[in-house]
Amino acid sequence: MTDYFSSQFKLGILGGGQLGKMLLAETRKFDIHTVVLDPSADAPGRLACNEFIQGDLKDFDTVYNFGKKVDVLTFEIELINVDALERLEKEGTVVYPSSKTIRTIQNKAVQKLFYVDHNIPTAPFSRFAYVHEIETALSHESISFPFVWKSAQFGYDGKGVKVIKNAEDLKGLPKGECITEEKIAFKNELAVIVSRSASGEMKTYPVVEMEFHPEANQVEYVICPARISEEVANKARAVALKVSEAFEHVGLLAVEMFQTQDDEILVNEVAPRPHNSGHYSIEASYTSQFEQHIRAILNLPLGNTDSKVAGVMVNLVGAEGFEGNVCYENIDMVLNMQGVTPHIYGKSTTRPFRKMGHITVVNESIDKARQIAQNVKSLIQVISK
């Protein structure tokens, strides 16, 4: 085993946002030397790493030259230059998850075709090179309203996704490659995080349930364990493991799914990194998703994924109508509540729906935790000064 701890070994992380910042809490714990690349001079991860480099994650030379400085390269964001990762792999830099995994996941159309090829259940879809082709498909009745439009690339946090109910909703969509998906009538949106080490050891975290903000299409609450039957939970974990094996990824893979009205599991999409649906694990699990990612990519034994206690995560996003220097209103009242832990991401300015932090609520009872989370949500406001 390589000596990772208090040594000359260097771990490179592409992206220094909140996920990078939380990943760095674990590398600090283990005293692993880290180098971070991020386009923003005031990225949240700049303070916790050993070396910080400002640069464009989509630029080939920047990513390639950065990768040459480190022994193992990982990322907290998918919007990165994959050609540079591919070259680095060819030249001997260890990149986890691999360029092959991220290339498939980066494009939602390619990702959906991957599911079809590997017999992974997913919502029926159509692929379009240009958005105007959707109108032709509608006139030929090969698709019908309502459906979900997704940009093939560069969509995240609710951006690049829209429910299309009529012709009017098609106006103003970006022109490029996209997919349309049949709108699924689902009971629940679920997620399972799978960890897979370089030697192929695999573990799943418990199934979580996600509640979304109706307008922003962002997760408001993540509930662990999901309030579903054991049979459905086992089915969800089995599908997540099948997806992980198909990708042969190393690190974490967050698999987002729909539980249909007749309790089938359909894969929506995946993220090859620590994920919003696993933040609860910092307080509620024996091994947080961030520690597990480090263990997986360094081929260390994977940690225990069980929960110590029930957990609910509340996303803190910028309130509508506020922009500028951030102020967390009533945070003192929240800190006074039992089993409630705020995480502030380190973004000095807020804007509507920007992810600014999260709060974890732990409790012996999942229903009580959900109730406290509702109180937290109504109390704390992310506004500007």
Protein backbone atom coordinates (compact mmCIF):
# COMPACT_ATOMS: atom_id res chain seq x y z
CA MET A 1 0.00 0.00 0.00
CA THR A 2 1.20 3.49 -0.84
CA ASP A 3 1.95 5.62 2.21
CA TYR A 4 -0.72 8.32 1.91
CA PHE A 5 -0.54 9.71 5.43
CA SER A 6 1.87 12.49 6.46
CA SER A 7 3.91 11.74 3.33
CA GLN A 8 5.02 13.13 -0.05
CA PHE A 9 1.89 11.66 -1.72
CA LYS A 10 -0.32 14.30 -3.42
CA LEU A 11 -4.05 14.03 -4.04
CA GLY A 12 -5.41 16.41 -6.69
CA ILE A 13 -9.04 17.59 -6.58
CA LEU A 14 -10.66 19.27 -9.58
CA GLY A 15 -13.14 21.74 -8.09
CA GLY A 16 -13.04 23.56 -4.77
CA GLY A 17 -16.73 24.16 -4.16
CA GLN A 18 -18.68 22.97 -1.12
CA LEU A 19 -18.18 19.28 -2.03
CA GLY A 20 -14.44 19.87 -2.28
CA LYS A 21 -14.49 21.70 1.05
CA MET A 22 -16.24 18.79 2.79
CA LEU A 23 -13.89 16.29 1.12
CA LEU A 24 -10.94 18.30 2.46
CA ALA A 25 -12.22 17.94 6.03
CA GLU A 26 -11.47 14.22 5.63
CA THR A 27 -8.04 14.68 4.02
CA ARG A 28 -7.19 17.00 6.93
CA LYS A 29 -8.25 14.27 9.36
CA PHE A 30 -5.92 11.78 7.64
CA ASP A 31 -3.16 14.35 6.90
CA ILE A 32 -3.21 13.65 3.16
CA HIS A 33 -1.51 16.39 1.10
CA THR A 34 -4.07 17.99 -1.26
CA VAL A 35 -3.85 20.26 -4.29
CA VAL A 36 -7.07 21.93 -5.50
CA LEU A 37 -7.89 23.54 -8.87
CA ASP A 38 -10.88 25.89 -9.11
CA PRO A 39 -11.77 28.84 -11.38
CA SER A 40 -12.79 31.07 -8.46
CA ALA A 41 -10.20 32.90 -6.34
CA ASP A 42 -12.53 32.66 -3.33
CA ALA A 43 -13.64 29.02 -3.79
CA PRO A 44 -14.85 27.48 -0.50
CA GLY A 45 -12.12 24.79 -0.72
CA ARG A 46 -9.20 27.22 -0.97
CA LEU A 47 -8.56 27.35 2.78
CA ALA A 48 -8.56 23.66 3.68
CA CYS A 49 -6.13 22.33 1.04
CA ASN A 50 -2.33 22.35 1.11
CA GLU A 51 -2.03 24.04 -2.30
CA PHE A 52 -4.66 26.02 -4.20
CA ILE A 53 -4.42 26.82 -7.91
CA GLN A 54 -6.87 29.08 -9.71
CA GLY A 55 -7.69 27.90 -13.23
CA ASP A 56 -10.31 26.85 -15.76
CA LEU A 57 -11.57 23.28 -15.25
CA LYS A 58 -12.69 23.08 -18.89
CA ASP A 59 -9.30 24.08 -20.36
CA PHE A 60 -7.21 21.13 -21.59
CA ASP A 61 -3.77 22.56 -20.74
CA THR A 62 -4.83 23.79 -17.29
CA VAL A 63 -6.28 20.41 -16.26
CA TYR A 64 -3.43 18.44 -17.88
CA ASN A 65 -0.68 20.51 -16.22
CA PHE A 66 -2.48 20.33 -12.88
CA GLY A 67 -2.78 16.54 -13.18
CA LYS A 68 0.97 16.18 -13.77
CA LYS A 69 1.63 17.63 -10.28
CA VAL A 70 -0.31 14.93 -8.39
CA ASP A 71 -0.29 11.15 -7.83
CA VAL A 72 -4.05 10.54 -7.81
CA LEU A 73 -6.63 12.86 -9.36
CA THR A 74 -10.32 13.07 -8.42
CA PHE A 75 -13.08 15.65 -8.88
CA GLU A 76 -16.11 17.16 -7.19
CA ILE A 77 -17.78 18.43 -10.38
CA GLU A 78 -18.40 16.81 -13.77
CA LEU A 79 -17.96 19.94 -15.91
CA ILE A 80 -14.27 19.32 -16.55
CA ASN A 81 -12.02 18.65 -19.55
CA VAL A 82 -12.25 14.88 -20.11
CA ASP A 83 -9.69 14.86 -22.96
CA ALA A 84 -7.08 16.05 -20.45
CA LEU A 85 -8.07 13.27 -18.01
CA GLU A 86 -7.73 10.71 -20.81
CA ARG A 87 -4.22 11.92 -21.69
CA LEU A 88 -3.18 11.89 -18.02
CA GLU A 89 -4.40 8.29 -17.65
CA LYS A 90 -2.41 7.24 -20.72
CA GLU A 91 0.69 8.84 -19.17
CA GLY A 92 0.27 7.05 -15.84
CA THR A 93 -1.65 9.46 -13.59
CA VAL A 94 -4.32 7.61 -11.61
CA VAL A 95 -7.72 9.27 -12.26
CA TYR A 96 -10.76 8.13 -10.24
CA PRO A 97 -13.52 7.97 -11.32
CA SER A 98 -12.06 7.30 -14.78
CA SER A 99 -12.35 9.51 -17.88
CA LYS A 100 -14.47 6.74 -19.45
CA THR A 101 -17.01 6.92 -16.60
CA ILE A 102 -17.24 10.71 -16.65
CA ARG A 103 -17.45 10.87 -20.47
CA THR A 104 -20.56 8.66 -20.40
CA ILE A 105 -22.15 10.55 -17.50
CA GLN A 106 -21.37 14.09 -18.77
CA ASN A 107 -23.86 13.74 -21.63
CA LYS A 108 -27.41 12.85 -20.52
CA ALA A 109 -28.28 11.34 -23.91
CA VAL A 110 -25.21 9.07 -23.82
CA GLN A 111 -25.99 8.24 -20.18
CA LYS A 112 -29.56 7.16 -21.07
CA LEU A 113 -28.32 5.00 -23.98
CA PHE A 114 -25.85 3.38 -21.56
CA TYR A 115 -28.79 2.31 -19.33
CA VAL A 116 -30.61 0.81 -22.32
CA ASP A 117 -27.46 -1.08 -23.42
CA HIS A 118 -26.98 -2.51 -19.91
CA ASN A 119 -30.65 -3.40 -19.27
CA ILE A 120 -30.94 -0.83 -16.50
CA PRO A 121 -34.55 0.32 -16.00
CA THR A 122 -35.06 4.00 -16.93
CA ALA A 123 -37.88 6.26 -18.13
CA PRO A 124 -38.66 6.04 -21.89
CA PHE A 125 -36.88 8.87 -23.76
CA SER A 126 -36.13 10.40 -27.15
CA ARG A 127 -32.87 12.03 -28.21
CA PHE A 128 -32.70 15.22 -30.32
CA ALA A 129 -29.70 16.96 -31.90
CA TYR A 130 -31.60 20.28 -31.89
CA VAL A 131 -34.49 21.52 -29.79
CA HIS A 132 -36.60 22.46 -32.89
CA GLU A 133 -36.76 18.73 -33.77
CA ILE A 134 -39.07 18.27 -30.77
CA GLU A 135 -41.82 20.19 -32.63
CA THR A 136 -41.51 17.77 -35.57
CA ALA A 137 -41.72 14.79 -33.19
CA LEU A 138 -44.85 16.28 -31.60
CA SER A 139 -46.49 16.83 -35.01
CA HIS A 140 -45.72 13.20 -35.92
CA GLU A 141 -47.08 12.14 -32.51
CA SER A 142 -43.90 10.21 -31.66
CA ILE A 143 -43.90 12.14 -28.35
CA SER A 144 -46.75 13.87 -26.53
CA PHE A 145 -47.31 16.40 -23.72
CA PRO A 146 -46.47 16.44 -20.86
CA PHE A 147 -42.81 15.42 -20.95
CA VAL A 148 -39.54 16.38 -19.29
CA TRP A 149 -36.96 18.26 -21.38
CA LYS A 150 -33.31 17.91 -20.37
CA SER A 151 -30.29 19.58 -21.91
CA ALA A 152 -27.80 16.82 -22.86
CA GLN A 153 -24.93 18.71 -21.27
CA PHE A 154 -24.16 21.26 -18.53
CA GLY A 155 -27.32 20.78 -16.49
CA TYR A 156 -27.13 20.70 -12.68
CA ASP A 157 -29.10 21.79 -9.57
CA GLY A 158 -32.35 22.04 -11.50
CA LYS A 159 -30.81 23.97 -14.40
CA GLY A 160 -31.16 22.36 -17.82
CA VAL A 161 -34.38 20.55 -16.80
CA LYS A 162 -37.96 21.65 -17.51
CA VAL A 163 -41.38 20.02 -17.47
CA ILE A 164 -43.03 20.80 -20.83
CA LYS A 165 -46.83 20.86 -20.58
CA ASN A 166 -47.67 22.67 -23.84
CA ALA A 167 -46.16 24.32 -26.96
CA GLU A 168 -45.69 27.60 -25.05
CA ASP A 169 -43.26 25.88 -22.64
CA LEU A 170 -40.94 25.05 -25.55
CA LYS A 171 -40.17 28.73 -26.16
CA GLY A 172 -36.78 29.99 -25.00
CA LEU A 173 -35.20 26.56 -24.50
CA PRO A 174 -31.48 26.31 -25.39
CA LYS A 175 -31.08 25.25 -29.03
CA GLY A 176 -28.63 22.33 -28.69
CA GLU A 177 -28.68 18.59 -28.08
CA CYS A 178 -31.31 17.41 -25.62
CA ILE A 179 -33.51 14.54 -24.56
CA THR A 180 -37.20 14.33 -23.75
CA GLU A 181 -38.39 11.86 -21.16
CA GLU A 182 -41.81 10.47 -20.49
CA LYS A 183 -43.13 12.17 -17.33
CA ILE A 184 -43.25 9.41 -14.72
CA ALA A 185 -46.05 9.39 -12.15
CA PHE A 186 -43.91 8.39 -9.19
CA LYS A 187 -44.54 7.82 -5.49
CA ASN A 188 -41.05 8.82 -4.39
CA GLU A 189 -37.74 10.12 -5.63
CA LEU A 190 -35.05 7.96 -4.07
CA ALA A 191 -31.24 7.85 -4.14
CA VAL A 192 -28.60 5.29 -3.26
CA ILE A 193 -24.91 6.08 -2.94
CA VAL A 194 -22.64 3.20 -3.97
CA SER A 195 -18.97 3.19 -3.02
CA ARG A 196 -16.57 1.06 -5.04
CA SER A 197 -12.84 0.80 -4.39
CA ALA A 198 -10.09 0.33 -6.96
CA SER A 199 -9.91 -3.38 -6.05
CA GLY A 200 -13.67 -3.77 -6.60
CA GLU A 201 -14.96 -3.79 -2.99
CA MET A 202 -18.50 -2.37 -3.04
CA LYS A 203 -20.89 -1.00 -0.41
CA THR A 204 -24.19 0.84 -0.60
CA TYR A 205 -25.51 3.46 1.77
CA PRO A 206 -29.13 3.15 2.93
CA VAL A 207 -31.81 4.33 0.48
CA VAL A 208 -32.72 7.99 0.99
CA GLU A 209 -35.89 9.81 0.00
CA MET A 210 -35.70 13.25 -1.60
CA GLU A 211 -38.29 15.99 -1.38
CA PHE A 212 -37.97 18.71 -4.04
CA HIS A 213 -38.80 22.41 -4.19
CA PRO A 214 -41.66 22.65 -6.73
CA GLU A 215 -40.32 25.72 -8.61
CA ALA A 216 -36.52 25.50 -8.30
CA ASN A 217 -36.40 21.73 -8.99
CA GLN A 218 -33.82 21.52 -6.20
CA VAL A 219 -33.77 19.05 -3.32
CA GLU A 220 -35.21 20.63 -0.15
CA TYR A 221 -35.01 17.62 2.18
CA VAL A 222 -33.09 14.36 2.11
CA ILE A 223 -34.56 11.76 4.48
CA CYS A 224 -32.58 8.71 5.67
CA PRO A 225 -33.81 6.06 5.93
CA ALA A 226 -36.41 6.50 3.16
CA ARG A 227 -39.95 5.86 4.38
CA ILE A 228 -40.46 2.86 2.10
CA SER A 229 -40.91 -0.90 2.52
CA GLU A 230 -37.91 -3.16 2.95
CA GLU A 231 -38.82 -4.85 -0.34
CA VAL A 232 -38.61 -1.55 -2.28
CA ALA A 233 -35.40 -0.58 -0.44
CA ASN A 234 -33.75 -3.90 -1.39
CA LYS A 235 -34.85 -3.44 -5.01
CA ALA A 236 -33.40 0.12 -5.09
CA ARG A 237 -30.06 -1.03 -3.65
CA ALA A 238 -29.88 -3.92 -6.14
CA VAL A 239 -30.49 -1.54 -9.09
CA ALA A 240 -27.85 0.88 -7.74
CA LEU A 241 -25.29 -1.96 -7.51
CA LYS A 242 -26.11 -3.02 -11.08
CA VAL A 243 -25.49 0.57 -12.28
CA SER A 244 -22.20 0.73 -10.37
CA GLU A 245 -21.00 -2.57 -11.83
CA ALA A 246 -21.94 -1.43 -15.36
CA PHE A 247 -19.90 1.78 -15.00
CA GLU A 248 -17.02 0.03 -13.18
CA HIS A 249 -16.49 3.39 -11.46
CA VAL A 250 -14.08 3.90 -8.58
CA GLY A 251 -15.16 6.28 -5.83
CA LEU A 252 -18.75 7.22 -5.13
CA LEU A 253 -21.71 6.93 -7.48
CA ALA A 254 -24.96 8.61 -6.44
CA VAL A 255 -27.83 6.87 -8.24
CA GLU A 256 -31.06 8.91 -8.35
CA MET A 257 -34.23 6.90 -8.98
CA PHE A 258 -38.00 7.01 -9.21
CA GLN A 259 -40.24 4.62 -7.29
CA THR A 260 -43.23 4.20 -9.62
CA GLN A 261 -46.85 3.77 -8.54
CA ASP A 262 -46.47 -0.01 -8.88
CA ASP A 263 -43.16 -0.02 -6.93
CA GLU A 264 -40.83 -0.46 -9.88
CA ILE A 265 -37.46 1.31 -9.71
CA LEU A 266 -36.36 3.49 -12.65
CA VAL A 267 -32.92 5.14 -12.76
CA ASN A 268 -33.17 8.89 -13.37
CA GLU A 269 -29.51 9.92 -13.47
CA VAL A 270 -26.21 9.45 -11.67
CA ALA A 271 -23.36 11.57 -10.29
CA PRO A 272 -19.83 10.09 -9.98
CA ARG A 273 -18.82 11.96 -6.81
CA PRO A 274 -20.01 12.93 -3.33
CA HIS A 275 -23.59 14.13 -3.65
CA ASN A 276 -26.21 16.29 -1.99
CA SER A 277 -28.19 13.14 -1.15
CA GLY A 278 -25.31 11.93 1.07
CA HIS A 279 -24.66 15.04 3.19
CA TYR A 280 -26.72 13.59 6.07
CA SER A 281 -23.93 10.97 6.45
CA ILE A 282 -21.50 13.45 8.08
CA GLU A 283 -23.56 13.37 11.28
CA ALA A 284 -25.75 10.28 10.86
CA SER A 285 -23.45 7.54 9.45
CA TYR A 286 -20.49 5.61 10.82
CA THR A 287 -18.53 6.65 7.70
CA SER A 288 -19.41 9.89 5.92
CA GLN A 289 -19.69 9.82 2.12
CA PHE A 290 -16.64 12.11 1.93
CA GLU A 291 -14.40 9.79 3.96
CA GLN A 292 -15.73 6.86 1.92
CA HIS A 293 -14.79 8.58 -1.36
CA ILE A 294 -11.21 9.04 -0.11
CA ARG A 295 -11.06 5.40 1.04
CA ALA A 296 -12.39 4.17 -2.33
CA ILE A 297 -10.08 6.16 -4.62
CA LEU A 298 -7.00 5.31 -2.51
CA ASN A 299 -8.02 1.62 -2.43
CA LEU A 300 -8.26 1.57 1.37
CA PRO A 301 -10.80 -0.73 3.11
CA LEU A 302 -14.30 0.77 2.78
CA GLY A 303 -15.95 2.02 5.96
CA ASN A 304 -19.26 1.03 7.56
CA THR A 305 -22.13 2.66 5.62
CA ASP A 306 -24.80 2.01 8.28
CA SER A 307 -26.55 4.92 9.97
CA LYS A 308 -26.03 5.46 13.70
CA VAL A 309 -29.27 7.42 13.84
CA ALA A 310 -32.01 8.72 11.53
CA GLY A 311 -31.05 11.87 9.63
CA VAL A 312 -32.74 14.59 7.60
CA MET A 313 -30.77 17.11 5.56
CA VAL A 314 -32.21 20.54 4.79
CA ASN A 315 -30.65 22.50 1.93
CA LEU A 316 -29.96 26.16 2.67
CA VAL A 317 -30.46 28.13 -0.52
CA GLY A 318 -30.56 31.86 -1.17
CA ALA A 319 -34.01 33.34 -0.54
CA GLU A 320 -35.87 34.86 -3.47
CA GLY A 321 -35.54 38.64 -3.75
CA PHE A 322 -32.12 38.80 -2.05
CA GLU A 323 -28.73 39.26 -3.67
CA GLY A 324 -25.44 40.40 -2.16
CA ASN A 325 -23.42 39.77 1.03
CA VAL A 326 -24.99 36.85 2.85
CA CYS A 327 -26.72 36.87 6.23
CA TYR A 328 -28.06 33.71 7.92
CA GLU A 329 -31.12 35.01 9.74
CA ASN A 330 -32.12 33.16 12.97
CA ILE A 331 -29.13 30.79 12.87
CA ASP A 332 -28.72 31.28 16.64
CA MET A 333 -32.24 29.87 17.18
CA VAL A 334 -31.36 26.87 15.02
CA LEU A 335 -28.13 26.27 16.97
CA ASN A 336 -30.25 26.13 20.13
CA MET A 337 -32.14 23.05 18.84
CA GLN A 338 -31.09 19.51 19.84
CA GLY A 339 -29.47 17.33 17.17
CA VAL A 340 -29.22 20.15 14.64
CA THR A 341 -25.90 20.92 12.87
CA PRO A 342 -25.46 23.72 10.30
CA HIS A 343 -22.84 23.52 7.54
CA ILE A 344 -22.03 26.89 5.97
CA TYR A 345 -20.28 26.47 2.62
CA GLY A 346 -18.19 29.63 2.61
CA LYS A 347 -19.84 31.60 -0.22
CA SER A 348 -19.81 35.25 0.79
CA THR A 349 -22.57 36.37 -1.60
CA THR A 350 -26.07 35.00 -1.96
CA ARG A 351 -28.55 34.98 -4.84
CA PRO A 352 -31.95 33.29 -5.27
CA PHE A 353 -31.75 29.47 -5.01
CA ARG A 354 -27.92 29.43 -4.75
CA LYS A 355 -26.77 26.55 -2.52
CA MET A 356 -25.26 28.28 0.51
CA GLY A 357 -25.18 25.49 3.08
CA HIS A 358 -27.15 22.65 4.61
CA ILE A 359 -28.41 21.63 8.01
CA THR A 360 -28.50 18.06 9.31
CA VAL A 361 -31.10 16.99 11.86
CA VAL A 362 -30.47 13.70 13.69
CA ASN A 363 -33.00 11.93 15.90
CA GLU A 364 -33.91 8.40 17.00
CA SER A 365 -37.21 8.88 15.14
CA ILE A 366 -37.22 9.71 11.42
CA ASP A 367 -40.67 11.34 11.76
CA LYS A 368 -39.46 13.57 14.59
CA ALA A 369 -36.33 14.47 12.59
CA ARG A 370 -38.52 15.43 9.60
CA GLN A 371 -40.70 17.60 11.85
CA ILE A 372 -37.66 19.39 13.32
CA ALA A 373 -36.30 19.87 9.77
CA GLN A 374 -39.57 21.62 8.83
CA ASN A 375 -39.13 23.97 11.83
CA VAL A 376 -35.52 24.65 10.84
CA LYS A 377 -36.61 25.42 7.27
CA SER A 378 -39.23 27.92 8.43
CA LEU A 379 -36.82 29.61 10.88
CA ILE A 380 -33.57 30.12 8.99
CA GLN A 381 -33.51 32.52 6.04
CA VAL A 382 -30.55 33.03 3.71
CA ILE A 383 -30.81 36.75 2.90
CA SER A 384 -28.47 39.61 2.05
CA LYS A 385 -27.30 42.33 4.44
